[in-house]
Amino acid sequence: MTGNRCNHDPSKPHLYRAQRTKEINTLVKRVRSFYNRPLSLFKDLRHLGNRRRQVRSERREAVVSVLAVILAHYDYGQDRFGVLDQQTGQFRRFGCDFIADRSGLSLPRVWRALSDLRRAGYLFATRKTRKVDGELVHDVAVRWLTSRFWSAMNAWGTLEKIADKAKKRNQKIVQAVKHKITKAHEAALRRDYEARTGRPMPSGAKSVSAILETLKPA
């Protein structure tokens, strides 16, 4: 039987499932347990403003799914919701549309769940604006899970393990991007040399930029 207009069925909740590393999947599984056992986890989310009544199941479903998406796509090396782009080495933040797409929730339910998490002190978000052609544009908010959340999860040890691996992985990405930029720069310098001299760069040149320096006018 459907619970309400958002097609929520209390007996068959639609909860996001992660397919990540063993440690991350364990975190997501623990978050998912909040739906059926709200008294065992996240005391700050049990009532959400109404101390006389337990939070409704469709609201728990949304909070659990949003949290699960965040955990599954979290950059534990930088402690932010997003990913380090392997092509540019820049951090790419994920917004509400991303969460809605992954979780299958409507945007209004995502917004409300994020608000619930902020009110509980489990999620922090900050947003910056910038001017584009004279108009203010809102960038995707930077979101991160707070120490209060990790304490409620009792997952500090697991977080440390995941973060250590993520930092090493991020470091490799950054080094690969730097190497790519260096190679691209060298290729550009070689083209510059050939354009100036009309001949190819000598093979085995140790410093392309140093050779170009000798070609500058006195």
N, C-alpha and C. Protein backbone atom coordinates (compact mmCIF):
# COMPACT_ATOMS: atom_id res chain seq x y z
N MET A 1 0.85 -1.20 0.00
CA MET A 1 0.00 0.00 0.00
C MET A 1 0.88 1.24 0.00
N THR A 2 0.59 2.17 -0.88
CA THR A 2 1.38 3.39 -0.99
C THR A 2 1.14 4.29 0.20
N GLY A 3 2.22 4.88 0.70
CA GLY A 3 2.12 5.70 1.90
C GLY A 3 1.59 7.09 1.64
N ASN A 4 1.94 7.72 0.51
CA ASN A 4 1.49 9.09 0.25
C ASN A 4 1.69 9.43 -1.22
N ARG A 5 1.60 10.71 -1.54
CA ARG A 5 1.65 11.14 -2.93
C ARG A 5 3.04 11.01 -3.56
N CYS A 6 4.08 10.83 -2.77
CA CYS A 6 5.43 10.67 -3.33
C CYS A 6 5.73 9.20 -3.64
N ASN A 7 4.66 8.37 -3.64
CA ASN A 7 4.78 6.94 -3.95
C ASN A 7 5.65 6.19 -2.96
N HIS A 8 5.68 6.66 -1.75
CA HIS A 8 6.46 5.98 -0.71
C HIS A 8 5.64 4.84 -0.11
N ASP A 9 6.23 3.66 -0.07
CA ASP A 9 5.61 2.51 0.56
C ASP A 9 6.41 2.19 1.82
N PRO A 10 5.85 2.38 3.01
CA PRO A 10 6.60 2.16 4.25
C PRO A 10 7.20 0.77 4.37
N SER A 11 6.55 -0.22 3.78
CA SER A 11 7.05 -1.59 3.88
C SER A 11 8.11 -1.91 2.83
N LYS A 12 8.18 -1.07 1.77
CA LYS A 12 9.17 -1.29 0.71
C LYS A 12 9.84 0.04 0.35
N PRO A 13 10.68 0.54 1.25
CA PRO A 13 11.33 1.84 0.99
C PRO A 13 12.35 1.73 -0.14
N HIS A 14 12.50 2.83 -0.85
CA HIS A 14 13.50 2.89 -1.91
C HIS A 14 14.75 3.55 -1.31
N LEU A 15 15.71 2.72 -0.90
CA LEU A 15 16.92 3.22 -0.26
C LEU A 15 18.11 3.02 -1.18
N TYR A 16 18.90 4.05 -1.33
CA TYR A 16 20.05 4.00 -2.23
C TYR A 16 21.05 2.94 -1.78
N ARG A 17 21.52 2.14 -2.74
CA ARG A 17 22.52 1.11 -2.46
C ARG A 17 23.84 1.49 -3.12
N ALA A 18 24.91 1.40 -2.37
CA ALA A 18 26.23 1.77 -2.90
C ALA A 18 26.98 0.55 -3.40
N GLN A 19 27.78 0.74 -4.41
CA GLN A 19 28.69 -0.29 -4.90
C GLN A 19 30.08 0.32 -4.91
N ARG A 20 30.65 0.45 -3.73
CA ARG A 20 31.96 1.06 -3.58
C ARG A 20 32.91 0.08 -2.90
N THR A 21 33.87 0.59 -2.15
CA THR A 21 34.78 -0.29 -1.43
C THR A 21 34.04 -0.93 -0.25
N LYS A 22 34.65 -1.95 0.33
CA LYS A 22 34.03 -2.65 1.45
C LYS A 22 33.75 -1.71 2.61
N GLU A 23 34.70 -0.81 2.91
CA GLU A 23 34.52 0.12 4.04
C GLU A 23 33.37 1.09 3.79
N ILE A 24 33.31 1.64 2.57
CA ILE A 24 32.25 2.60 2.26
C ILE A 24 30.89 1.91 2.24
N ASN A 25 30.83 0.72 1.67
CA ASN A 25 29.57 -0.04 1.66
C ASN A 25 29.09 -0.32 3.08
N THR A 26 30.03 -0.56 4.00
CA THR A 26 29.67 -0.79 5.40
C THR A 26 29.05 0.46 6.02
N LEU A 27 29.62 1.63 5.69
CA LEU A 27 29.07 2.89 6.20
C LEU A 27 27.64 3.10 5.67
N VAL A 28 27.46 2.85 4.40
CA VAL A 28 26.13 3.03 3.78
C VAL A 28 25.13 2.06 4.41
N LYS A 29 25.55 0.84 4.63
CA LYS A 29 24.67 -0.16 5.24
C LYS A 29 24.23 0.28 6.63
N ARG A 30 25.16 0.87 7.38
CA ARG A 30 24.82 1.35 8.72
C ARG A 30 23.81 2.49 8.65
N VAL A 31 23.99 3.39 7.71
CA VAL A 31 23.05 4.50 7.53
C VAL A 31 21.67 3.97 7.17
N ARG A 32 21.63 2.97 6.30
CA ARG A 32 20.36 2.38 5.88
C ARG A 32 19.59 1.77 7.05
N SER A 33 20.32 1.33 8.07
CA SER A 33 19.65 0.71 9.22
C SER A 33 18.79 1.71 10.00
N PHE A 34 19.05 3.00 9.79
CA PHE A 34 18.28 4.03 10.49
C PHE A 34 16.80 3.99 10.09
N TYR A 35 16.53 3.54 8.87
CA TYR A 35 15.13 3.53 8.41
C TYR A 35 14.27 2.62 9.28
N ASN A 36 14.73 1.40 9.50
CA ASN A 36 13.94 0.43 10.27
C ASN A 36 14.16 0.53 11.77
N ARG A 37 15.31 1.10 12.18
CA ARG A 37 15.60 1.19 13.62
C ARG A 37 16.02 2.62 13.97
N PRO A 38 15.08 3.56 13.88
CA PRO A 38 15.42 4.97 14.12
C PRO A 38 15.88 5.28 15.54
N LEU A 39 15.60 4.41 16.49
CA LEU A 39 16.02 4.66 17.87
C LEU A 39 17.45 4.21 18.13
N SER A 40 18.04 3.48 17.17
CA SER A 40 19.37 2.94 17.38
C SER A 40 20.48 3.83 16.84
N LEU A 41 20.12 4.86 16.08
CA LEU A 41 21.12 5.67 15.41
C LEU A 41 20.57 7.07 15.16
N PHE A 42 21.45 8.07 15.14
CA PHE A 42 21.09 9.44 14.79
C PHE A 42 19.97 10.00 15.68
N LYS A 43 20.25 10.14 16.96
CA LYS A 43 19.23 10.64 17.88
C LYS A 43 18.74 12.04 17.49
N ASP A 44 19.60 12.81 16.81
CA ASP A 44 19.21 14.16 16.41
C ASP A 44 18.23 14.16 15.23
N LEU A 45 18.02 13.00 14.63
CA LEU A 45 17.09 12.90 13.50
C LEU A 45 15.80 12.16 13.86
N ARG A 46 15.66 11.73 15.10
CA ARG A 46 14.53 10.87 15.47
C ARG A 46 13.20 11.62 15.43
N HIS A 47 13.22 12.90 15.79
CA HIS A 47 11.96 13.63 15.91
C HIS A 47 11.88 14.85 14.99
N LEU A 48 13.02 15.49 14.74
CA LEU A 48 13.07 16.65 13.84
C LEU A 48 12.04 17.71 14.19
N GLY A 49 12.11 18.20 15.39
CA GLY A 49 11.27 19.32 15.80
C GLY A 49 10.01 18.94 16.54
N ASN A 50 9.59 17.68 16.44
CA ASN A 50 8.38 17.24 17.14
C ASN A 50 8.75 16.13 18.11
N ARG A 51 8.98 16.50 19.37
CA ARG A 51 9.45 15.53 20.36
C ARG A 51 8.40 14.49 20.73
N ARG A 52 7.16 14.75 20.40
CA ARG A 52 6.09 13.82 20.75
C ARG A 52 5.86 12.75 19.69
N ARG A 53 6.47 12.95 18.54
CA ARG A 53 6.19 12.02 17.45
C ARG A 53 7.46 11.66 16.68
N GLN A 54 7.63 10.38 16.42
CA GLN A 54 8.78 9.93 15.66
C GLN A 54 8.66 10.40 14.22
N VAL A 55 9.80 10.76 13.60
CA VAL A 55 9.78 11.25 12.24
C VAL A 55 9.15 10.21 11.30
N ARG A 56 8.36 10.69 10.35
CA ARG A 56 7.63 9.81 9.46
C ARG A 56 8.57 9.00 8.57
N SER A 57 8.09 7.84 8.12
CA SER A 57 8.94 6.91 7.38
C SER A 57 9.41 7.48 6.04
N GLU A 58 8.55 8.25 5.34
CA GLU A 58 8.98 8.79 4.05
C GLU A 58 10.09 9.82 4.23
N ARG A 59 10.08 10.49 5.37
CA ARG A 59 11.14 11.47 5.65
C ARG A 59 12.45 10.75 6.00
N ARG A 60 12.33 9.64 6.72
CA ARG A 60 13.51 8.83 7.02
C ARG A 60 14.09 8.25 5.73
N GLU A 61 13.21 7.82 4.84
CA GLU A 61 13.64 7.27 3.57
C GLU A 61 14.49 8.29 2.80
N ALA A 62 14.03 9.53 2.75
CA ALA A 62 14.75 10.57 2.02
C ALA A 62 16.09 10.88 2.68
N VAL A 63 16.10 11.00 4.00
CA VAL A 63 17.34 11.31 4.72
C VAL A 63 18.36 10.19 4.52
N VAL A 64 17.91 8.95 4.63
CA VAL A 64 18.81 7.80 4.46
C VAL A 64 19.38 7.76 3.05
N SER A 65 18.54 7.96 2.04
CA SER A 65 19.01 7.89 0.65
C SER A 65 19.99 9.02 0.34
N VAL A 66 19.69 10.22 0.83
CA VAL A 66 20.59 11.36 0.59
C VAL A 66 21.94 11.12 1.27
N LEU A 67 21.91 10.65 2.51
CA LEU A 67 23.15 10.35 3.22
C LEU A 67 23.95 9.25 2.50
N ALA A 68 23.24 8.25 2.02
CA ALA A 68 23.91 7.14 1.33
C ALA A 68 24.60 7.62 0.06
N VAL A 69 23.95 8.49 -0.69
CA VAL A 69 24.55 9.05 -1.91
C VAL A 69 25.79 9.86 -1.55
N ILE A 70 25.68 10.67 -0.51
CA ILE A 70 26.82 11.49 -0.09
C ILE A 70 28.00 10.61 0.30
N LEU A 71 27.75 9.58 1.10
CA LEU A 71 28.82 8.68 1.53
C LEU A 71 29.47 7.94 0.36
N ALA A 72 28.65 7.55 -0.61
CA ALA A 72 29.15 6.79 -1.75
C ALA A 72 29.95 7.65 -2.72
N HIS A 73 29.71 8.96 -2.72
CA HIS A 73 30.39 9.86 -3.67
C HIS A 73 31.13 10.97 -2.94
N TYR A 74 31.68 10.62 -1.81
CA TYR A 74 32.39 11.58 -0.95
C TYR A 74 33.88 11.49 -1.23
N ASP A 75 34.55 12.65 -1.27
CA ASP A 75 36.01 12.64 -1.38
C ASP A 75 36.56 12.64 0.04
N TYR A 76 36.86 11.46 0.54
CA TYR A 76 37.32 11.33 1.93
C TYR A 76 38.71 11.91 2.12
N GLY A 77 39.47 12.06 1.03
CA GLY A 77 40.79 12.65 1.13
C GLY A 77 40.74 14.14 1.39
N GLN A 78 39.70 14.81 0.86
CA GLN A 78 39.54 16.25 1.05
C GLN A 78 38.37 16.58 1.98
N ASP A 79 37.68 15.53 2.44
CA ASP A 79 36.55 15.71 3.34
C ASP A 79 35.49 16.63 2.74
N ARG A 80 35.09 16.31 1.53
CA ARG A 80 34.09 17.10 0.81
C ARG A 80 33.23 16.16 -0.04
N PHE A 81 32.01 16.60 -0.33
CA PHE A 81 31.12 15.84 -1.20
C PHE A 81 31.43 16.20 -2.64
N GLY A 82 32.06 15.27 -3.34
CA GLY A 82 32.46 15.53 -4.72
C GLY A 82 33.58 14.59 -5.11
N VAL A 83 34.29 14.96 -6.17
CA VAL A 83 35.34 14.09 -6.67
C VAL A 83 36.46 14.93 -7.27
N LEU A 84 37.67 14.41 -7.21
CA LEU A 84 38.82 15.05 -7.83
C LEU A 84 38.86 14.62 -9.29
N ASP A 85 38.73 15.58 -10.19
CA ASP A 85 38.68 15.29 -11.62
C ASP A 85 40.03 14.74 -12.09
N GLN A 86 40.02 13.56 -12.70
CA GLN A 86 41.27 12.93 -13.12
C GLN A 86 41.91 13.62 -14.31
N GLN A 87 41.13 14.41 -15.06
CA GLN A 87 41.68 15.11 -16.23
C GLN A 87 42.32 16.44 -15.86
N THR A 88 41.74 17.13 -14.89
CA THR A 88 42.21 18.48 -14.55
C THR A 88 42.85 18.58 -13.17
N GLY A 89 42.58 17.61 -12.30
CA GLY A 89 43.10 17.68 -10.94
C GLY A 89 42.32 18.66 -10.07
N GLN A 90 41.23 19.19 -10.60
CA GLN A 90 40.39 20.13 -9.86
C GLN A 90 39.25 19.39 -9.15
N PHE A 91 38.85 19.92 -8.00
CA PHE A 91 37.76 19.30 -7.26
C PHE A 91 36.43 19.68 -7.88
N ARG A 92 35.60 18.68 -8.14
CA ARG A 92 34.28 18.91 -8.74
C ARG A 92 33.20 18.59 -7.71
N ARG A 93 32.42 19.60 -7.35
CA ARG A 93 31.37 19.43 -6.35
C ARG A 93 30.11 18.85 -6.98
N PHE A 94 29.39 18.07 -6.20
CA PHE A 94 28.12 17.52 -6.65
C PHE A 94 26.98 18.29 -5.98
N GLY A 95 25.96 18.60 -6.76
CA GLY A 95 24.84 19.37 -6.24
C GLY A 95 23.58 18.54 -6.02
N CYS A 96 22.49 19.24 -5.82
CA CYS A 96 21.20 18.59 -5.52
C CYS A 96 20.70 17.76 -6.69
N ASP A 97 20.94 18.22 -7.91
CA ASP A 97 20.51 17.45 -9.09
C ASP A 97 21.20 16.09 -9.13
N PHE A 98 22.47 16.07 -8.77
CA PHE A 98 23.23 14.82 -8.74
C PHE A 98 22.62 13.86 -7.71
N ILE A 99 22.31 14.38 -6.52
CA ILE A 99 21.72 13.55 -5.47
C ILE A 99 20.36 13.01 -5.91
N ALA A 100 19.55 13.87 -6.51
CA ALA A 100 18.23 13.45 -6.97
C ALA A 100 18.34 12.36 -8.03
N ASP A 101 19.29 12.53 -8.95
CA ASP A 101 19.47 11.55 -10.03
C ASP A 101 19.90 10.19 -9.48
N ARG A 102 20.84 10.20 -8.53
CA ARG A 102 21.34 8.94 -7.98
C ARG A 102 20.34 8.26 -7.04
N SER A 103 19.65 9.05 -6.26
CA SER A 103 18.75 8.49 -5.25
C SER A 103 17.37 8.15 -5.78
N GLY A 104 16.97 8.82 -6.87
CA GLY A 104 15.62 8.63 -7.39
C GLY A 104 14.59 9.49 -6.67
N LEU A 105 15.04 10.37 -5.80
CA LEU A 105 14.13 11.27 -5.08
C LEU A 105 13.85 12.51 -5.90
N SER A 106 12.72 13.14 -5.63
CA SER A 106 12.43 14.42 -6.27
C SER A 106 13.30 15.50 -5.63
N LEU A 107 13.50 16.59 -6.35
CA LEU A 107 14.32 17.68 -5.80
C LEU A 107 13.78 18.23 -4.48
N PRO A 108 12.45 18.45 -4.37
CA PRO A 108 11.94 18.95 -3.08
C PRO A 108 12.27 18.03 -1.91
N ARG A 109 12.22 16.70 -2.14
CA ARG A 109 12.55 15.76 -1.06
C ARG A 109 14.05 15.80 -0.74
N VAL A 110 14.87 16.00 -1.76
CA VAL A 110 16.32 16.15 -1.53
C VAL A 110 16.59 17.40 -0.72
N TRP A 111 15.94 18.52 -1.09
CA TRP A 111 16.15 19.78 -0.37
C TRP A 111 15.75 19.64 1.10
N ARG A 112 14.64 18.98 1.33
CA ARG A 112 14.17 18.84 2.70
C ARG A 112 15.10 17.94 3.51
N ALA A 113 15.58 16.87 2.88
CA ALA A 113 16.49 15.96 3.58
C ALA A 113 17.80 16.66 3.93
N LEU A 114 18.32 17.45 3.00
CA LEU A 114 19.54 18.20 3.26
C LEU A 114 19.33 19.20 4.40
N SER A 115 18.15 19.83 4.40
CA SER A 115 17.82 20.76 5.49
C SER A 115 17.76 20.03 6.83
N ASP A 116 17.16 18.83 6.84
CA ASP A 116 17.09 18.04 8.06
C ASP A 116 18.49 17.69 8.58
N LEU A 117 19.37 17.33 7.67
CA LEU A 117 20.73 16.96 8.05
C LEU A 117 21.50 18.16 8.60
N ARG A 118 21.26 19.32 8.02
CA ARG A 118 21.92 20.54 8.54
C ARG A 118 21.39 20.89 9.92
N ARG A 119 20.08 20.79 10.08
CA ARG A 119 19.47 21.11 11.38
C ARG A 119 19.94 20.15 12.48
N ALA A 120 20.20 18.91 12.10
CA ALA A 120 20.67 17.92 13.07
C ALA A 120 22.15 18.11 13.40
N GLY A 121 22.83 18.93 12.60
CA GLY A 121 24.25 19.16 12.82
C GLY A 121 25.14 18.12 12.19
N TYR A 122 24.61 17.35 11.23
CA TYR A 122 25.37 16.28 10.60
C TYR A 122 26.01 16.71 9.28
N LEU A 123 25.53 17.79 8.72
CA LEU A 123 26.03 18.24 7.42
C LEU A 123 26.21 19.76 7.45
N PHE A 124 27.32 20.21 6.87
CA PHE A 124 27.56 21.64 6.77
C PHE A 124 27.67 22.00 5.30
N ALA A 125 27.16 23.17 4.95
CA ALA A 125 27.21 23.59 3.56
C ALA A 125 27.50 25.08 3.48
N THR A 126 28.28 25.44 2.49
CA THR A 126 28.55 26.85 2.24
C THR A 126 28.53 27.08 0.74
N ARG A 127 27.99 28.21 0.35
CA ARG A 127 27.86 28.51 -1.08
C ARG A 127 28.43 29.89 -1.38
N LYS A 128 29.11 29.98 -2.53
CA LYS A 128 29.68 31.25 -2.95
C LYS A 128 28.97 31.74 -4.21
N THR A 129 28.99 33.03 -4.38
CA THR A 129 28.41 33.63 -5.58
C THR A 129 29.51 34.36 -6.35
N ARG A 130 29.33 34.47 -7.64
CA ARG A 130 30.28 35.20 -8.47
C ARG A 130 29.50 35.94 -9.56
N LYS A 131 30.12 36.97 -10.11
CA LYS A 131 29.46 37.76 -11.14
C LYS A 131 29.85 37.27 -12.52
N VAL A 132 28.85 37.03 -13.33
CA VAL A 132 29.05 36.63 -14.72
C VAL A 132 28.22 37.57 -15.58
N ASP A 133 28.89 38.36 -16.39
CA ASP A 133 28.21 39.36 -17.24
C ASP A 133 27.32 40.27 -16.41
N GLY A 134 27.81 40.63 -15.24
CA GLY A 134 27.08 41.57 -14.40
C GLY A 134 25.99 40.96 -13.54
N GLU A 135 25.77 39.66 -13.67
CA GLU A 135 24.74 38.99 -12.88
C GLU A 135 25.36 38.02 -11.88
N LEU A 136 24.72 37.91 -10.70
CA LEU A 136 25.21 37.01 -9.67
C LEU A 136 24.85 35.57 -10.02
N VAL A 137 25.83 34.69 -9.96
CA VAL A 137 25.63 33.27 -10.22
C VAL A 137 26.01 32.49 -8.97
N HIS A 138 25.13 31.59 -8.55
CA HIS A 138 25.40 30.77 -7.37
C HIS A 138 26.15 29.50 -7.78
N ASP A 139 27.31 29.31 -7.18
CA ASP A 139 28.07 28.08 -7.44
C ASP A 139 27.45 26.93 -6.64
N VAL A 140 27.77 25.70 -7.05
CA VAL A 140 27.31 24.53 -6.30
C VAL A 140 27.89 24.58 -4.89
N ALA A 141 27.06 24.34 -3.90
CA ALA A 141 27.50 24.44 -2.51
C ALA A 141 28.57 23.40 -2.20
N VAL A 142 29.49 23.80 -1.31
CA VAL A 142 30.48 22.86 -0.78
C VAL A 142 29.83 22.21 0.45
N ARG A 143 29.76 20.89 0.45
CA ARG A 143 29.12 20.18 1.57
C ARG A 143 30.09 19.19 2.18
N TRP A 144 30.07 19.10 3.51
CA TRP A 144 30.88 18.09 4.17
C TRP A 144 30.17 17.59 5.42
N LEU A 145 30.46 16.35 5.78
CA LEU A 145 29.88 15.71 6.95
C LEU A 145 30.66 16.14 8.19
N THR A 146 29.96 16.43 9.26
CA THR A 146 30.57 17.01 10.45
C THR A 146 31.08 15.94 11.41
N SER A 147 31.85 16.39 12.39
CA SER A 147 32.34 15.47 13.43
C SER A 147 31.18 14.89 14.22
N ARG A 148 30.10 15.64 14.31
CA ARG A 148 28.91 15.14 15.01
C ARG A 148 28.33 13.93 14.30
N PHE A 149 28.36 13.95 12.99
CA PHE A 149 27.87 12.82 12.21
C PHE A 149 28.75 11.60 12.43
N TRP A 150 30.07 11.78 12.33
CA TRP A 150 30.97 10.64 12.47
C TRP A 150 30.93 10.07 13.89
N SER A 151 30.68 10.92 14.86
CA SER A 151 30.54 10.42 16.24
C SER A 151 29.26 9.61 16.38
N ALA A 152 28.17 10.10 15.75
CA ALA A 152 26.90 9.37 15.80
C ALA A 152 27.03 8.02 15.11
N MET A 153 27.87 7.96 14.07
CA MET A 153 28.09 6.71 13.35
C MET A 153 29.07 5.80 14.08
N ASN A 154 29.81 6.38 15.02
CA ASN A 154 30.87 5.63 15.72
C ASN A 154 31.84 5.03 14.69
N ALA A 155 32.26 5.88 13.76
CA ALA A 155 33.02 5.38 12.60
C ALA A 155 34.35 6.10 12.40
N TRP A 156 34.92 6.62 13.47
CA TRP A 156 36.17 7.37 13.31
C TRP A 156 37.29 6.48 12.77
N GLY A 157 37.38 5.24 13.26
CA GLY A 157 38.42 4.33 12.79
C GLY A 157 38.28 4.02 11.31
N THR A 158 37.05 3.73 10.88
CA THR A 158 36.78 3.45 9.48
C THR A 158 37.07 4.66 8.61
N LEU A 159 36.67 5.84 9.10
CA LEU A 159 36.91 7.08 8.35
C LEU A 159 38.40 7.30 8.13
N GLU A 160 39.20 7.05 9.16
CA GLU A 160 40.65 7.25 9.04
C GLU A 160 41.25 6.34 7.97
N LYS A 161 40.81 5.10 7.93
CA LYS A 161 41.32 4.15 6.93
C LYS A 161 40.95 4.59 5.52
N ILE A 162 39.68 4.97 5.34
CA ILE A 162 39.22 5.39 4.01
C ILE A 162 39.94 6.67 3.58
N ALA A 163 40.11 7.61 4.52
CA ALA A 163 40.75 8.89 4.21
C ALA A 163 42.20 8.71 3.80
N ASP A 164 42.92 7.82 4.47
CA ASP A 164 44.32 7.57 4.13
C ASP A 164 44.45 7.06 2.70
N LYS A 165 43.59 6.12 2.33
CA LYS A 165 43.62 5.58 0.97
C LYS A 165 43.25 6.66 -0.05
N ALA A 166 42.24 7.47 0.30
CA ALA A 166 41.77 8.51 -0.62
C ALA A 166 42.84 9.58 -0.85
N LYS A 167 43.57 9.93 0.20
CA LYS A 167 44.62 10.94 0.06
C LYS A 167 45.72 10.46 -0.87
N LYS A 168 46.08 9.19 -0.76
CA LYS A 168 47.10 8.62 -1.64
C LYS A 168 46.61 8.60 -3.08
N ARG A 169 45.33 8.25 -3.26
CA ARG A 169 44.76 8.21 -4.61
C ARG A 169 44.72 9.62 -5.21
N ASN A 170 44.33 10.59 -4.41
CA ASN A 170 44.28 11.98 -4.88
C ASN A 170 45.66 12.49 -5.26
N GLN A 171 46.66 12.09 -4.48
CA GLN A 171 48.03 12.51 -4.75
C GLN A 171 48.49 11.98 -6.10
N LYS A 172 48.13 10.74 -6.41
CA LYS A 172 48.49 10.15 -7.70
C LYS A 172 47.81 10.90 -8.85
N ILE A 173 46.55 11.28 -8.64
CA ILE A 173 45.83 12.03 -9.67
C ILE A 173 46.51 13.37 -9.95
N VAL A 174 46.86 14.07 -8.88
CA VAL A 174 47.50 15.38 -9.02
C VAL A 174 48.85 15.25 -9.73
N GLN A 175 49.63 14.24 -9.35
CA GLN A 175 50.93 14.03 -9.98
C GLN A 175 50.78 13.71 -11.46
N ALA A 176 49.78 12.90 -11.80
CA ALA A 176 49.54 12.54 -13.20
C ALA A 176 49.16 13.77 -14.02
N VAL A 177 48.33 14.64 -13.43
CA VAL A 177 47.92 15.87 -14.12
C VAL A 177 49.11 16.79 -14.32
N LYS A 178 49.96 16.91 -13.29
CA LYS A 178 51.16 17.75 -13.41
C LYS A 178 52.08 17.24 -14.51
N HIS A 179 52.22 15.93 -14.58
CA HIS A 179 53.05 15.32 -15.62
C HIS A 179 52.47 15.60 -17.00
N LYS A 180 51.15 15.50 -17.10
CA LYS A 180 50.47 15.76 -18.37
C LYS A 180 50.67 17.21 -18.81
N ILE A 181 50.56 18.13 -17.84
CA ILE A 181 50.75 19.55 -18.14
C ILE A 181 52.18 19.82 -18.58
N THR A 182 53.14 19.18 -17.90
CA THR A 182 54.56 19.34 -18.24
C THR A 182 54.83 18.86 -19.66
N LYS A 183 54.27 17.70 -20.01
CA LYS A 183 54.47 17.15 -21.36
C LYS A 183 53.83 18.05 -22.41
N ALA A 184 52.65 18.58 -22.08
CA ALA A 184 51.97 19.47 -23.03
C ALA A 184 52.76 20.76 -23.21
N HIS A 185 53.33 21.26 -22.10
CA HIS A 185 54.14 22.48 -22.17
C HIS A 185 55.38 22.25 -23.01
N GLU A 186 55.99 21.09 -22.82
CA GLU A 186 57.20 20.76 -23.59
C GLU A 186 56.87 20.67 -25.07
N ALA A 187 55.74 20.08 -25.39
CA ALA A 187 55.34 19.96 -26.80
C ALA A 187 55.12 21.34 -27.41
N ALA A 188 54.54 22.24 -26.62
CA ALA A 188 54.31 23.61 -27.11
C ALA A 188 55.64 24.33 -27.34
N LEU A 189 56.61 24.12 -26.44
CA LEU A 189 57.92 24.74 -26.60
C LEU A 189 58.65 24.21 -27.83
N ARG A 190 58.49 22.91 -28.08
CA ARG A 190 59.11 22.32 -29.26
C ARG A 190 58.53 22.94 -30.54
N ARG A 191 57.22 23.14 -30.54
CA ARG A 191 56.58 23.77 -31.71
C ARG A 191 57.10 25.20 -31.88
N ASP A 192 57.29 25.87 -30.74
CA ASP A 192 57.80 27.24 -30.77
C ASP A 192 59.21 27.26 -31.36
N TYR A 193 60.03 26.31 -30.94
CA TYR A 193 61.41 26.22 -31.44
C TYR A 193 61.42 26.01 -32.95
N GLU A 194 60.59 25.07 -33.40
CA GLU A 194 60.55 24.77 -34.82
C GLU A 194 60.05 25.96 -35.63
N ALA A 195 59.09 26.72 -35.05
CA ALA A 195 58.56 27.88 -35.75
C ALA A 195 59.63 28.98 -35.87
N ARG A 196 60.48 29.08 -34.84
CA ARG A 196 61.49 30.13 -34.85
C ARG A 196 62.69 29.77 -35.73
N THR A 197 63.07 28.49 -35.71
CA THR A 197 64.30 28.10 -36.40
C THR A 197 64.08 27.43 -37.74
N GLY A 198 62.87 26.93 -37.93
CA GLY A 198 62.59 26.21 -39.17
C GLY A 198 63.15 24.82 -39.18
N ARG A 199 63.62 24.34 -38.06
CA ARG A 199 64.15 22.97 -37.97
C ARG A 199 63.64 22.31 -36.69
N PRO A 200 63.60 20.99 -36.66
CA PRO A 200 63.09 20.30 -35.47
C PRO A 200 64.05 20.43 -34.30
N MET A 201 63.51 20.31 -33.12
CA MET A 201 64.32 20.34 -31.91
C MET A 201 65.28 19.15 -31.91
N PRO A 202 66.53 19.38 -31.55
CA PRO A 202 67.48 18.26 -31.50
C PRO A 202 66.99 17.16 -30.55
N SER A 203 67.14 15.95 -30.95
CA SER A 203 66.70 14.85 -30.09
C SER A 203 67.59 14.76 -28.87
N GLY A 204 66.98 14.37 -27.75
CA GLY A 204 67.75 14.24 -26.51
C GLY A 204 68.00 15.55 -25.82
N ALA A 205 67.34 16.63 -26.23
CA ALA A 205 67.53 17.93 -25.57
C ALA A 205 67.11 17.84 -24.12
N LYS A 206 67.97 18.25 -23.20
CA LYS A 206 67.68 18.14 -21.77
C LYS A 206 66.72 19.22 -21.30
N SER A 207 66.84 20.41 -21.88
CA SER A 207 65.99 21.50 -21.44
C SER A 207 65.51 22.28 -22.65
N VAL A 208 64.28 22.06 -23.01
CA VAL A 208 63.71 22.74 -24.17
C VAL A 208 63.67 24.24 -23.92
N SER A 209 63.25 24.64 -22.71
CA SER A 209 63.13 26.06 -22.39
C SER A 209 64.49 26.74 -22.41
N ALA A 210 65.53 26.02 -21.98
CA ALA A 210 66.88 26.60 -21.96
C ALA A 210 67.36 26.88 -23.39
N ILE A 211 67.06 25.97 -24.30
CA ILE A 211 67.44 26.17 -25.70
C ILE A 211 66.70 27.38 -26.28
N LEU A 212 65.41 27.50 -25.95
CA LEU A 212 64.64 28.63 -26.45
C LEU A 212 65.19 29.95 -25.93
N GLU A 213 65.72 29.92 -24.70
CA GLU A 213 66.30 31.15 -24.15
C GLU A 213 67.43 31.68 -25.01
N THR A 214 68.22 30.76 -25.61
CA THR A 214 69.36 31.17 -26.43
C THR A 214 68.91 31.82 -27.75
N LEU A 215 67.65 31.60 -28.10
CA LEU A 215 67.14 32.15 -29.36
C LEU A 215 66.52 33.53 -29.19
N LYS A 216 66.40 33.99 -27.95
CA LYS A 216 65.81 35.31 -27.72
C LYS A 216 66.74 36.40 -28.23
N PRO A 217 66.19 37.48 -28.76
CA PRO A 217 67.04 38.57 -29.24
C PRO A 217 67.81 39.21 -28.09
N ALA A 218 69.01 39.63 -28.34
CA ALA A 218 69.85 40.22 -27.29
C ALA A 218 69.27 41.56 -26.86
